[in-house]
N, C-alpha and C. Protein backbone atom coordinates (compact mmCIF):
# COMPACT_ATOMS: atom_id res chain seq x y z
N MET A 1 -94.47 -19.26 -23.72
CA MET A 1 -93.50 -18.80 -22.70
C MET A 1 -91.85 -18.81 -22.85
N SER A 2 -91.34 -17.97 -22.63
CA SER A 2 -89.61 -18.07 -23.15
C SER A 2 -89.16 -19.69 -22.70
N LEU A 3 -88.27 -20.39 -23.75
CA LEU A 3 -87.30 -21.37 -22.56
C LEU A 3 -85.90 -20.88 -22.07
N SER A 4 -85.86 -19.38 -22.11
CA SER A 4 -84.22 -18.71 -21.88
C SER A 4 -85.45 -18.35 -20.40
N ILE A 5 -85.48 -18.50 -19.72
CA ILE A 5 -85.39 -18.58 -17.75
C ILE A 5 -85.16 -19.62 -18.39
N PHE A 6 -85.22 -21.21 -18.27
CA PHE A 6 -85.48 -21.84 -17.54
C PHE A 6 -83.63 -22.43 -18.28
N THR A 7 -82.89 -21.74 -19.08
CA THR A 7 -81.58 -22.41 -19.20
C THR A 7 -80.50 -21.00 -18.49
N PRO A 8 -79.37 -21.73 -18.28
CA PRO A 8 -78.70 -20.71 -16.80
C PRO A 8 -77.54 -20.07 -17.61
N ARG A 9 -77.58 -18.69 -17.43
CA ARG A 9 -75.92 -18.04 -18.26
C ARG A 9 -75.06 -18.77 -17.83
N ILE A 10 -73.84 -18.38 -18.86
CA ILE A 10 -72.73 -18.60 -19.07
C ILE A 10 -72.09 -18.63 -17.83
N TRP A 11 -72.02 -17.67 -16.98
CA TRP A 11 -71.15 -16.86 -15.79
C TRP A 11 -71.70 -17.99 -14.76
N LYS A 12 -73.09 -18.19 -14.28
CA LYS A 12 -73.33 -19.53 -13.23
C LYS A 12 -73.05 -20.16 -13.25
N ILE A 13 -72.56 -21.19 -14.56
CA ILE A 13 -72.37 -22.09 -15.26
C ILE A 13 -70.66 -22.83 -15.18
N MET A 14 -69.70 -20.97 -15.14
CA MET A 14 -68.53 -20.87 -14.50
C MET A 14 -68.11 -21.45 -13.27
N ILE A 15 -69.28 -20.35 -12.82
CA ILE A 15 -69.01 -20.44 -10.85
C ILE A 15 -69.40 -21.94 -10.75
N VAL A 16 -69.71 -22.46 -10.66
CA VAL A 16 -69.67 -24.07 -10.70
C VAL A 16 -69.79 -24.88 -11.34
N ALA A 17 -68.33 -24.44 -12.34
CA ALA A 17 -67.00 -25.35 -12.62
C ALA A 17 -65.98 -24.57 -12.35
N ALA A 18 -65.85 -23.73 -11.23
CA ALA A 18 -64.45 -23.34 -11.10
C ALA A 18 -63.78 -24.13 -10.59
N TYR A 19 -64.17 -24.14 -9.25
CA TYR A 19 -63.47 -25.98 -8.73
C TYR A 19 -62.84 -26.80 -8.94
N PRO A 20 -63.32 -27.73 -10.29
CA PRO A 20 -63.19 -28.09 -10.74
C PRO A 20 -61.70 -28.35 -11.49
N PHE A 21 -62.19 -26.40 -12.44
CA PHE A 21 -60.85 -26.30 -13.60
C PHE A 21 -59.86 -25.33 -12.47
N LEU A 22 -60.02 -25.02 -11.79
CA LEU A 22 -58.84 -25.58 -10.35
C LEU A 22 -58.86 -26.33 -10.82
N LEU A 23 -59.16 -27.44 -10.07
CA LEU A 23 -58.37 -28.23 -9.67
C LEU A 23 -56.89 -28.83 -10.00
N ALA A 24 -57.92 -29.03 -11.85
CA ALA A 24 -57.53 -29.52 -12.55
C ALA A 24 -55.73 -28.83 -13.40
N ALA A 25 -56.27 -27.40 -12.69
CA ALA A 25 -55.01 -25.98 -13.45
C ALA A 25 -54.05 -26.76 -12.28
N THR A 26 -54.71 -26.62 -11.45
CA THR A 26 -53.43 -26.82 -10.06
C THR A 26 -52.11 -28.30 -9.65
N ARG A 27 -53.25 -29.45 -10.58
CA ARG A 27 -52.93 -30.28 -11.00
C ARG A 27 -51.43 -30.12 -12.11
N TYR A 28 -51.85 -29.15 -13.23
CA TYR A 28 -51.09 -29.58 -14.25
C TYR A 28 -49.96 -28.77 -13.58
N PHE A 29 -50.18 -27.37 -13.28
CA PHE A 29 -49.09 -26.74 -12.60
C PHE A 29 -47.67 -27.03 -11.74
N GLU A 30 -48.47 -27.75 -10.92
CA GLU A 30 -47.92 -29.09 -10.25
C GLU A 30 -46.54 -29.70 -11.01
N ALA A 31 -47.14 -30.85 -11.71
CA ALA A 31 -46.58 -31.32 -12.65
C ALA A 31 -45.50 -30.06 -13.11
N LEU A 32 -45.94 -29.28 -14.27
CA LEU A 32 -45.14 -28.19 -15.13
C LEU A 32 -44.03 -28.14 -14.51
N GLU A 33 -44.26 -27.99 -12.94
CA GLU A 33 -43.52 -27.59 -11.73
C GLU A 33 -41.98 -28.58 -11.52
N ARG A 34 -41.77 -29.52 -11.75
CA ARG A 34 -41.21 -31.30 -11.56
C ARG A 34 -40.63 -31.43 -12.63
N THR A 35 -40.74 -30.11 -13.51
CA THR A 35 -40.14 -30.54 -14.97
C THR A 35 -38.46 -30.06 -14.69
N GLY A 36 -39.04 -28.82 -14.75
CA GLY A 36 -37.20 -28.50 -13.96
C GLY A 36 -37.95 -26.86 -14.19
N THR A 37 -35.94 -25.92 -13.82
CA THR A 37 -36.85 -25.03 -13.84
C THR A 37 -37.78 -23.72 -14.52
N MET A 38 -37.85 -24.32 -15.92
CA MET A 38 -38.38 -23.33 -16.56
C MET A 38 -39.96 -23.86 -16.50
N GLY A 39 -39.95 -24.91 -15.78
CA GLY A 39 -41.12 -25.35 -16.11
C GLY A 39 -41.69 -24.92 -14.62
N ALA A 40 -40.60 -24.89 -12.64
CA ALA A 40 -40.90 -23.98 -12.63
C ALA A 40 -41.72 -22.56 -12.24
N TYR A 41 -40.73 -21.69 -12.96
CA TYR A 41 -40.83 -20.86 -13.77
C TYR A 41 -42.14 -20.18 -14.21
N PHE A 42 -42.87 -20.92 -14.89
CA PHE A 42 -43.36 -20.99 -16.28
C PHE A 42 -44.80 -20.62 -15.43
N ALA A 43 -44.46 -21.83 -14.49
CA ALA A 43 -45.92 -22.48 -13.22
C ALA A 43 -45.75 -21.40 -12.29
N ASP A 44 -44.83 -20.91 -11.39
CA ASP A 44 -45.30 -20.19 -10.30
C ASP A 44 -45.78 -18.14 -10.85
N THR A 45 -45.41 -18.22 -12.58
CA THR A 45 -45.92 -16.46 -12.60
C THR A 45 -47.36 -17.35 -13.70
N LEU A 46 -47.43 -18.51 -14.05
CA LEU A 46 -48.84 -18.71 -14.64
C LEU A 46 -50.11 -18.92 -13.86
N MET A 47 -49.68 -19.42 -12.67
CA MET A 47 -50.66 -20.07 -11.54
C MET A 47 -52.10 -19.02 -11.32
N PRO A 48 -50.68 -17.90 -10.79
CA PRO A 48 -51.74 -16.08 -10.12
C PRO A 48 -52.73 -16.28 -11.39
N VAL A 49 -52.55 -15.45 -12.91
CA VAL A 49 -52.73 -14.97 -13.72
C VAL A 49 -53.96 -16.44 -13.87
N THR A 50 -53.43 -17.55 -13.94
CA THR A 50 -55.45 -17.89 -14.57
C THR A 50 -56.34 -17.83 -13.27
N ILE A 51 -55.86 -17.47 -12.38
CA ILE A 51 -56.95 -17.77 -11.55
C ILE A 51 -57.75 -15.67 -11.51
N ILE A 52 -56.76 -15.28 -11.62
CA ILE A 52 -57.20 -13.71 -11.95
C ILE A 52 -58.26 -13.64 -13.15
N CYS A 53 -57.50 -15.03 -14.33
CA CYS A 53 -57.83 -14.27 -15.04
C CYS A 53 -59.75 -15.04 -15.39
N TYR A 54 -59.84 -16.33 -14.60
CA TYR A 54 -61.25 -16.68 -15.02
C TYR A 54 -61.79 -16.04 -14.09
N VAL A 55 -61.51 -15.19 -13.18
CA VAL A 55 -62.63 -14.29 -12.02
C VAL A 55 -63.62 -13.21 -12.62
N GLY A 56 -61.97 -13.08 -13.42
CA GLY A 56 -62.44 -11.71 -14.04
C GLY A 56 -63.34 -12.04 -15.49
N VAL A 57 -63.09 -13.35 -16.06
CA VAL A 57 -64.33 -13.36 -16.75
C VAL A 57 -65.72 -13.64 -16.35
N ILE A 58 -65.90 -14.47 -15.38
CA ILE A 58 -67.00 -13.85 -14.75
C ILE A 58 -67.53 -12.74 -14.67
N PHE A 59 -66.14 -11.88 -13.84
CA PHE A 59 -67.39 -10.16 -14.08
C PHE A 59 -67.69 -9.76 -14.38
N VAL A 60 -66.92 -10.06 -15.88
CA VAL A 60 -67.36 -9.46 -16.93
C VAL A 60 -68.57 -10.50 -18.02
N LEU A 61 -68.41 -11.24 -17.46
CA LEU A 61 -69.67 -12.25 -18.21
C LEU A 61 -70.66 -11.69 -17.16
N ARG A 62 -71.48 -11.96 -16.60
CA ARG A 62 -71.78 -10.84 -15.62
C ARG A 62 -72.57 -10.29 -15.86
N LYS A 63 -71.44 -9.49 -16.02
CA LYS A 63 -71.96 -7.93 -15.69
C LYS A 63 -72.04 -7.78 -17.38
N ARG A 64 -72.70 -8.08 -18.13
CA ARG A 64 -72.94 -8.58 -19.40
C ARG A 64 -73.71 -8.85 -19.26
N ALA A 65 -74.41 -9.46 -18.37
CA ALA A 65 -75.78 -10.76 -18.35
C ALA A 65 -75.42 -11.63 -19.36
N ILE A 66 -74.26 -11.86 -19.51
CA ILE A 66 -74.33 -12.74 -20.63
C ILE A 66 -74.57 -15.20 -19.95
């Protein structure tokens, strides 16, 4: 019997970890916004990119069954 049946795929773990990761990322970007104009610029541009990339990685891993 193969034990690989009982080990979850990486994308399944990432789906479960999505909420804590995005919560931590949101708090980081909020703190970055408070540092000044450049911090607000980086936070406003990188937060949507972070969310899109996280979801994109999940879809790529799911498509390849990793």
